């Protein structure tokens, strides 16, 4: 795993791993997506394994949200 990130991080040899953990899926208590927006960013998380299973569809819908073609409340629902 470290070898994979070595080329992606500047000054890789200065980093130190203090603790490692595994998180297969991020999830919300009701297993729904959590969408937060600001003027320059959109963050989406939650949804148990749904985020992985529906990644391509979420990407398309998120693009609609960013371009204004999709309403946030509608997207979250």
PDB file of N, CA and C in Angstrom:
ATOM      1  N   UNK A   1       0.817  -1.182   0.000  1.00  0.00           N
ATOM      2  CA  UNK A   1       0.000   0.000   0.000  1.00  0.00           C
ATOM      3  C   UNK A   1       0.871   1.260   0.000  1.00  0.00           C
ATOM      4  N   UNK A   2       1.911   1.240   0.781  1.00  0.00           N
ATOM      5  CA  UNK A   2       2.797   2.405   0.843  1.00  0.00           C
ATOM      6  C   UNK A   2       3.448   2.691  -0.503  1.00  0.00           C
ATOM      7  N   UNK A   3       3.841   1.649  -1.195  1.00  0.00           N
ATOM      8  CA  UNK A   3       4.488   1.814  -2.496  1.00  0.00           C
ATOM      9  C   UNK A   3       3.566   2.538  -3.468  1.00  0.00           C
ATOM     10  N   UNK A   4       2.267   2.254  -3.391  1.00  0.00           N
ATOM     11  CA  UNK A   4       1.291   2.881  -4.272  1.00  0.00           C
ATOM     12  C   UNK A   4       1.286   4.407  -4.085  1.00  0.00           C
ATOM     13  N   UNK A   5       1.367   4.872  -2.856  1.00  0.00           N
ATOM     14  CA  UNK A   5       1.288   6.306  -2.576  1.00  0.00           C
ATOM     15  C   UNK A   5       2.624   7.032  -2.696  1.00  0.00           C
ATOM     16  N   UNK A   6       3.697   6.307  -2.738  1.00  0.00           N
ATOM     17  CA  UNK A   6       5.031   6.923  -2.760  1.00  0.00           C
ATOM     18  C   UNK A   6       5.182   7.917  -3.913  1.00  0.00           C
ATOM     19  N   UNK A   7       4.701   7.566  -5.086  1.00  0.00           N
ATOM     20  CA  UNK A   7       4.847   8.472  -6.231  1.00  0.00           C
ATOM     21  C   UNK A   7       3.832   9.611  -6.207  1.00  0.00           C
ATOM     22  N   UNK A   8       2.790   9.487  -5.411  1.00  0.00           N
ATOM     23  CA  UNK A   8       1.725  10.495  -5.387  1.00  0.00           C
ATOM     24  C   UNK A   8       1.956  11.600  -4.355  1.00  0.00           C
ATOM     25  N   UNK A   9       2.802  11.354  -3.362  1.00  0.00           N
ATOM     26  CA  UNK A   9       3.005  12.320  -2.282  1.00  0.00           C
ATOM     27  C   UNK A   9       4.405  12.907  -2.327  1.00  0.00           C
ATOM     28  N   UNK A  10       4.472  14.214  -2.313  1.00  0.00           N
ATOM     29  CA  UNK A  10       5.766  14.894  -2.283  1.00  0.00           C
ATOM     30  C   UNK A  10       6.436  14.648  -0.933  1.00  0.00           C
ATOM     31  N   UNK A  11       7.732  14.465  -0.936  1.00  0.00           N
ATOM     32  CA  UNK A  11       8.509  14.207   0.282  1.00  0.00           C
ATOM     33  C   UNK A  11       7.965  13.004   1.062  1.00  0.00           C
ATOM     34  N   UNK A  12       7.670  11.947   0.333  1.00  0.00           N
ATOM     35  CA  UNK A  12       7.055  10.763   0.929  1.00  0.00           C
ATOM     36  C   UNK A  12       7.846  10.227   2.122  1.00  0.00           C
ATOM     37  N   UNK A  13       9.141  10.287   2.067  1.00  0.00           N
ATOM     38  CA  UNK A  13       9.968   9.739   3.143  1.00  0.00           C
ATOM     39  C   UNK A  13       9.821  10.508   4.460  1.00  0.00           C
ATOM     40  N   UNK A  14       9.201  11.674   4.422  1.00  0.00           N
ATOM     41  CA  UNK A  14       8.982  12.451   5.648  1.00  0.00           C
ATOM     42  C   UNK A  14       7.715  12.023   6.386  1.00  0.00           C
ATOM     43  N   UNK A  15       6.846  11.234   5.736  1.00  0.00           N
ATOM     44  CA  UNK A  15       5.608  10.789   6.374  1.00  0.00           C
ATOM     45  C   UNK A  15       5.870   9.606   7.289  1.00  0.00           C
ATOM     46  N   UNK A  16       5.059   9.516   8.350  1.00  0.00           N
ATOM     47  CA  UNK A  16       5.182   8.407   9.287  1.00  0.00           C
ATOM     48  C   UNK A  16       3.781   7.870   9.579  1.00  0.00           C
ATOM     49  N   UNK A  17       3.623   6.574   9.464  1.00  0.00           N
ATOM     50  CA  UNK A  17       2.335   5.960   9.786  1.00  0.00           C
ATOM     51  C   UNK A  17       2.281   5.741  11.283  1.00  0.00           C
ATOM     52  N   UNK A  18       1.292   6.330  11.915  1.00  0.00           N
ATOM     53  CA  UNK A  18       1.137   6.205  13.361  1.00  0.00           C
ATOM     54  C   UNK A  18       0.171   5.064  13.693  1.00  0.00           C
ATOM     55  N   UNK A  19      -0.884   4.940  12.887  1.00  0.00           N
ATOM     56  CA  UNK A  19      -1.888   3.907  13.136  1.00  0.00           C
ATOM     57  C   UNK A  19      -2.607   3.619  11.824  1.00  0.00           C
ATOM     58  N   UNK A  20      -2.994   2.402  11.621  1.00  0.00           N
ATOM     59  CA  UNK A  20      -3.746   2.035  10.431  1.00  0.00           C
ATOM     60  C   UNK A  20      -5.082   1.427  10.805  1.00  0.00           C
ATOM     61  N   UNK A  21      -6.088   1.704   9.995  1.00  0.00           N
ATOM     62  CA  UNK A  21      -7.420   1.141  10.210  1.00  0.00           C
ATOM     63  C   UNK A  21      -8.055   0.846   8.861  1.00  0.00           C
ATOM     64  N   UNK A  22      -9.001  -0.029   8.866  1.00  0.00           N
ATOM     65  CA  UNK A  22      -9.726  -0.367   7.650  1.00  0.00           C
ATOM     66  C   UNK A  22     -11.169   0.096   7.792  1.00  0.00           C
ATOM     67  N   UNK A  23     -11.673   0.767   6.780  1.00  0.00           N
ATOM     68  CA  UNK A  23     -13.072   1.174   6.746  1.00  0.00           C
ATOM     69  C   UNK A  23     -13.582   0.816   5.352  1.00  0.00           C
ATOM     70  N   UNK A  24     -14.323  -0.259   5.252  1.00  0.00           N
ATOM     71  CA  UNK A  24     -14.790  -0.701   3.945  1.00  0.00           C
ATOM     72  C   UNK A  24     -15.837   0.234   3.360  1.00  0.00           C
ATOM     73  N   UNK A  25     -16.728   0.725   4.177  1.00  0.00           N
ATOM     74  CA  UNK A  25     -17.774   1.624   3.706  1.00  0.00           C
ATOM     75  C   UNK A  25     -18.011   2.722   4.740  1.00  0.00           C
ATOM     76  N   UNK A  26     -18.194   3.931   4.253  1.00  0.00           N
ATOM     77  CA  UNK A  26     -18.679   4.992   5.126  1.00  0.00           C
ATOM     78  C   UNK A  26     -20.196   4.893   5.131  1.00  0.00           C
ATOM     79  N   UNK A  27     -20.840   5.125   6.247  1.00  0.00           N
ATOM     80  CA  UNK A  27     -22.287   5.000   6.258  1.00  0.00           C
ATOM     81  C   UNK A  27     -22.929   5.990   7.208  1.00  0.00           C
ATOM     82  N   UNK A  28     -24.174   6.297   6.930  1.00  0.00           N
ATOM     83  CA  UNK A  28     -24.970   7.113   7.832  1.00  0.00           C
ATOM     84  C   UNK A  28     -25.896   6.159   8.581  1.00  0.00           C
ATOM     85  N   UNK A  29     -26.423   6.570   9.706  1.00  0.00           N
ATOM     86  CA  UNK A  29     -27.245   5.686  10.532  1.00  0.00           C
ATOM     87  C   UNK A  29     -28.468   5.165   9.771  1.00  0.00           C
ATOM     88  N   UNK A  30     -29.049   5.987   8.903  1.00  0.00           N
ATOM     89  CA  UNK A  30     -30.224   5.538   8.151  1.00  0.00           C
ATOM     90  C   UNK A  30     -29.856   5.049   6.748  1.00  0.00           C
ATOM     91  N   UNK A  31     -28.563   4.901   6.484  1.00  0.00           N
ATOM     92  CA  UNK A  31     -28.027   4.416   5.219  1.00  0.00           C
ATOM     93  C   UNK A  31     -28.459   5.276   4.029  1.00  0.00           C
ATOM     94  N   UNK A  32     -28.590   6.569   4.256  1.00  0.00           N
ATOM     95  CA  UNK A  32     -28.903   7.497   3.177  1.00  0.00           C
ATOM     96  C   UNK A  32     -27.662   8.322   2.876  1.00  0.00           C
ATOM     97  N   UNK A  33     -27.618   8.872   1.682  1.00  0.00           N
ATOM     98  CA  UNK A  33     -26.507   9.724   1.308  1.00  0.00           C
ATOM     99  C   UNK A  33     -26.592  11.056   2.044  1.00  0.00           C
ATOM    100  N   UNK A  34     -25.459  11.621   2.370  1.00  0.00           N
ATOM    101  CA  UNK A  34     -25.376  12.925   3.003  1.00  0.00           C
ATOM    102  C   UNK A  34     -24.731  13.858   1.981  1.00  0.00           C
ATOM    103  N   UNK A  35     -25.436  14.924   1.627  1.00  0.00           N
ATOM    104  CA  UNK A  35     -24.942  15.860   0.620  1.00  0.00           C
ATOM    105  C   UNK A  35     -24.833  17.236   1.252  1.00  0.00           C
ATOM    106  N   UNK A  36     -23.674  17.835   1.161  1.00  0.00           N
ATOM    107  CA  UNK A  36     -23.446  19.195   1.661  1.00  0.00           C
ATOM    108  C   UNK A  36     -22.843  20.010   0.528  1.00  0.00           C
ATOM    109  N   UNK A  37     -23.311  21.226   0.373  1.00  0.00           N
ATOM    110  CA  UNK A  37     -22.774  22.087  -0.681  1.00  0.00           C
ATOM    111  C   UNK A  37     -22.342  23.426  -0.106  1.00  0.00           C
ATOM    112  N   UNK A  38     -21.403  24.028  -0.782  1.00  0.00           N
ATOM    113  CA  UNK A  38     -21.010  25.403  -0.493  1.00  0.00           C
ATOM    114  C   UNK A  38     -20.921  26.092  -1.846  1.00  0.00           C
ATOM    115  N   UNK A  39     -20.434  27.296  -1.871  1.00  0.00           N
ATOM    116  CA  UNK A  39     -20.343  28.017  -3.136  1.00  0.00           C
ATOM    117  C   UNK A  39     -19.354  27.365  -4.100  1.00  0.00           C
ATOM    118  N   UNK A  40     -18.365  26.645  -3.580  1.00  0.00           N
ATOM    119  CA  UNK A  40     -17.334  26.111  -4.476  1.00  0.00           C
ATOM    120  C   UNK A  40     -17.094  24.615  -4.314  1.00  0.00           C
ATOM    121  N   UNK A  41     -17.936  23.912  -3.535  1.00  0.00           N
ATOM    122  CA  UNK A  41     -17.692  22.483  -3.338  1.00  0.00           C
ATOM    123  C   UNK A  41     -18.985  21.733  -3.057  1.00  0.00           C
ATOM    124  N   UNK A  42     -18.974  20.457  -3.396  1.00  0.00           N
ATOM    125  CA  UNK A  42     -20.063  19.545  -3.064  1.00  0.00           C
ATOM    126  C   UNK A  42     -19.424  18.317  -2.431  1.00  0.00           C
ATOM    127  N   UNK A  43     -19.917  17.928  -1.268  1.00  0.00           N
ATOM    128  CA  UNK A  43     -19.420  16.723  -0.602  1.00  0.00           C
ATOM    129  C   UNK A  43     -20.573  15.743  -0.476  1.00  0.00           C
ATOM    130  N   UNK A  44     -20.303  14.488  -0.786  1.00  0.00           N
ATOM    131  CA  UNK A  44     -21.325  13.445  -0.670  1.00  0.00           C
ATOM    132  C   UNK A  44     -20.702  12.249   0.022  1.00  0.00           C
ATOM    133  N   UNK A  45     -21.423  11.677   0.974  1.00  0.00           N
ATOM    134  CA  UNK A  45     -20.919  10.527   1.715  1.00  0.00           C
ATOM    135  C   UNK A  45     -22.100   9.733   2.253  1.00  0.00           C
ATOM    136  N   UNK A  46     -21.805   8.688   2.987  1.00  0.00           N
ATOM    137  CA  UNK A  46     -22.846   7.874   3.604  1.00  0.00           C
ATOM    138  C   UNK A  46     -23.399   6.834   2.649  1.00  0.00           C
ATOM    139  N   UNK A  47     -24.429   6.148   3.082  1.00  0.00           N
ATOM    140  CA  UNK A  47     -25.112   5.231   2.206  1.00  0.00           C
ATOM    141  C   UNK A  47     -24.612   3.797   2.245  1.00  0.00           C
ATOM    142  N   UNK A  48     -23.893   3.397   3.262  1.00  0.00           N
ATOM    143  CA  UNK A  48     -23.404   2.029   3.377  1.00  0.00           C
ATOM    144  C   UNK A  48     -22.622   1.640   2.127  1.00  0.00           C
ATOM    145  N   UNK A  49     -22.855   0.484   1.569  1.00  0.00           N
ATOM    146  CA  UNK A  49     -22.153   0.049   0.372  1.00  0.00           C
ATOM    147  C   UNK A  49     -22.727   0.639  -0.892  1.00  0.00           C
ATOM    148  N   UNK A  50     -23.801   1.408  -0.785  1.00  0.00           N
ATOM    149  CA  UNK A  50     -24.446   1.990  -1.958  1.00  0.00           C
ATOM    150  C   UNK A  50     -23.524   2.937  -2.706  1.00  0.00           C
ATOM    151  N   UNK A  51     -22.653   3.614  -1.987  1.00  0.00           N
ATOM    152  CA  UNK A  51     -21.739   4.559  -2.629  1.00  0.00           C
ATOM    153  C   UNK A  51     -20.861   3.818  -3.644  1.00  0.00           C
ATOM    154  N   UNK A  52     -20.430   2.635  -3.303  1.00  0.00           N
ATOM    155  CA  UNK A  52     -19.603   1.851  -4.215  1.00  0.00           C
ATOM    156  C   UNK A  52     -20.448   1.266  -5.345  1.00  0.00           C
ATOM    157  N   UNK A  53     -21.582   0.659  -4.999  1.00  0.00           N
ATOM    158  CA  UNK A  53     -22.403  -0.018  -5.996  1.00  0.00           C
ATOM    159  C   UNK A  53     -22.953   0.928  -7.048  1.00  0.00           C
ATOM    160  N   UNK A  54     -23.301   2.125  -6.631  1.00  0.00           N
ATOM    161  CA  UNK A  54     -23.929   3.066  -7.548  1.00  0.00           C
ATOM    162  C   UNK A  54     -23.012   4.225  -7.906  1.00  0.00           C
ATOM    163  N   UNK A  55     -21.705   4.000  -7.864  1.00  0.00           N
ATOM    164  CA  UNK A  55     -20.723   5.051  -8.105  1.00  0.00           C
ATOM    165  C   UNK A  55     -20.902   5.776  -9.421  1.00  0.00           C
ATOM    166  N   UNK A  56     -21.116   5.037 -10.504  1.00  0.00           N
ATOM    167  CA  UNK A  56     -21.259   5.668 -11.826  1.00  0.00           C
ATOM    168  C   UNK A  56     -22.524   6.526 -11.882  1.00  0.00           C
ATOM    169  N   UNK A  57     -23.614   6.002 -11.363  1.00  0.00           N
ATOM    170  CA  UNK A  57     -24.871   6.761 -11.353  1.00  0.00           C
ATOM    171  C   UNK A  57     -24.745   8.003 -10.473  1.00  0.00           C
ATOM    172  N   UNK A  58     -24.118   7.853  -9.309  1.00  0.00           N
ATOM    173  CA  UNK A  58     -23.927   9.000  -8.419  1.00  0.00           C
ATOM    174  C   UNK A  58     -23.069  10.071  -9.082  1.00  0.00           C
ATOM    175  N   UNK A  59     -22.058   9.649  -9.818  1.00  0.00           N
ATOM    176  CA  UNK A  59     -21.211  10.607 -10.520  1.00  0.00           C
ATOM    177  C   UNK A  59     -22.006  11.423 -11.527  1.00  0.00           C
ATOM    178  N   UNK A  60     -22.872  10.752 -12.274  1.00  0.00           N
ATOM    179  CA  UNK A  60     -23.706  11.458 -13.258  1.00  0.00           C
ATOM    180  C   UNK A  60     -24.677  12.417 -12.568  1.00  0.00           C
ATOM    181  N   UNK A  61     -25.304  11.949 -11.502  1.00  0.00           N
ATOM    182  CA  UNK A  61     -26.254  12.796 -10.776  1.00  0.00           C
ATOM    183  C   UNK A  61     -25.547  13.957 -10.078  1.00  0.00           C
ATOM    184  N   UNK A  62     -24.365  13.707  -9.551  1.00  0.00           N
ATOM    185  CA  UNK A  62     -23.583  14.759  -8.903  1.00  0.00           C
ATOM    186  C   UNK A  62     -23.175  15.820  -9.912  1.00  0.00           C
ATOM    187  N   UNK A  63     -22.826  15.392 -11.116  1.00  0.00           N
ATOM    188  CA  UNK A  63     -22.501  16.354 -12.172  1.00  0.00           C
ATOM    189  C   UNK A  63     -23.714  17.243 -12.464  1.00  0.00           C
ATOM    190  N   UNK A  64     -24.914  16.662 -12.466  1.00  0.00           N
ATOM    191  CA  UNK A  64     -26.131  17.448 -12.657  1.00  0.00           C
ATOM    192  C   UNK A  64     -26.354  18.436 -11.527  1.00  0.00           C
ATOM    193  N   UNK A  65     -26.010  18.036 -10.319  1.00  0.00           N
ATOM    194  CA  UNK A  65     -26.133  18.927  -9.164  1.00  0.00           C
ATOM    195  C   UNK A  65     -25.178  20.108  -9.294  1.00  0.00           C
ATOM    196  N   UNK A  66     -23.942  19.830  -9.686  1.00  0.00           N
ATOM    197  CA  UNK A  66     -22.922  20.869  -9.813  1.00  0.00           C
ATOM    198  C   UNK A  66     -23.267  21.861 -10.930  1.00  0.00           C
ATOM    199  N   UNK A  67     -23.830  21.369 -12.013  1.00  0.00           N
ATOM    200  CA  UNK A  67     -24.157  22.245 -13.146  1.00  0.00           C
ATOM    201  C   UNK A  67     -25.504  22.933 -12.990  1.00  0.00           C
ATOM    202  N   UNK A  68     -26.245  22.612 -11.927  1.00  0.00           N
ATOM    203  CA  UNK A  68     -27.534  23.241 -11.697  1.00  0.00           C
ATOM    204  C   UNK A  68     -28.699  22.544 -12.386  1.00  0.00           C
ATOM    205  N   UNK A  69     -28.451  21.421 -13.046  1.00  0.00           N
ATOM    206  CA  UNK A  69     -29.510  20.673 -13.720  1.00  0.00           C
ATOM    207  C   UNK A  69     -30.295  19.795 -12.749  1.00  0.00           C
ATOM    208  N   UNK A  70     -29.773  19.608 -11.539  1.00  0.00           N
ATOM    209  CA  UNK A  70     -30.404  18.752 -10.533  1.00  0.00           C
ATOM    210  C   UNK A  70     -30.525  19.534  -9.239  1.00  0.00           C
ATOM    211  N   UNK A  71     -31.653  19.460  -8.564  1.00  0.00           N
ATOM    212  CA  UNK A  71     -31.902  20.147  -7.305  1.00  0.00           C
ATOM    213  C   UNK A  71     -31.297  19.333  -6.146  1.00  0.00           C
ATOM    214  N   UNK A  72     -30.670  20.025  -5.173  1.00  0.00           N
ATOM    215  CA  UNK A  72     -30.014  19.311  -4.053  1.00  0.00           C
ATOM    216  C   UNK A  72     -30.991  18.482  -3.247  1.00  0.00           C
ATOM    217  N   UNK A  73     -32.155  19.045  -2.914  1.00  0.00           N
ATOM    218  CA  UNK A  73     -33.137  18.295  -2.114  1.00  0.00           C
ATOM    219  C   UNK A  73     -33.600  17.053  -2.867  1.00  0.00           C
ATOM    220  N   UNK A  74     -33.808  17.202  -4.163  1.00  0.00           N
ATOM    221  CA  UNK A  74     -34.210  16.096  -5.005  1.00  0.00           C
ATOM    222  C   UNK A  74     -33.108  15.042  -5.071  1.00  0.00           C
ATOM    223  N   UNK A  75     -31.867  15.486  -5.203  1.00  0.00           N
ATOM    224  CA  UNK A  75     -30.726  14.586  -5.260  1.00  0.00           C
ATOM    225  C   UNK A  75     -30.586  13.815  -3.953  1.00  0.00           C
ATOM    226  N   UNK A  76     -30.707  14.492  -2.836  1.00  0.00           N
ATOM    227  CA  UNK A  76     -30.570  13.856  -1.529  1.00  0.00           C
ATOM    228  C   UNK A  76     -31.682  12.835  -1.301  1.00  0.00           C
ATOM    229  N   UNK A  77     -32.891  13.181  -1.702  1.00  0.00           N
ATOM    230  CA  UNK A  77     -34.027  12.293  -1.544  1.00  0.00           C
ATOM    231  C   UNK A  77     -33.821  11.035  -2.371  1.00  0.00           C
TER     232      UNK A  77
END
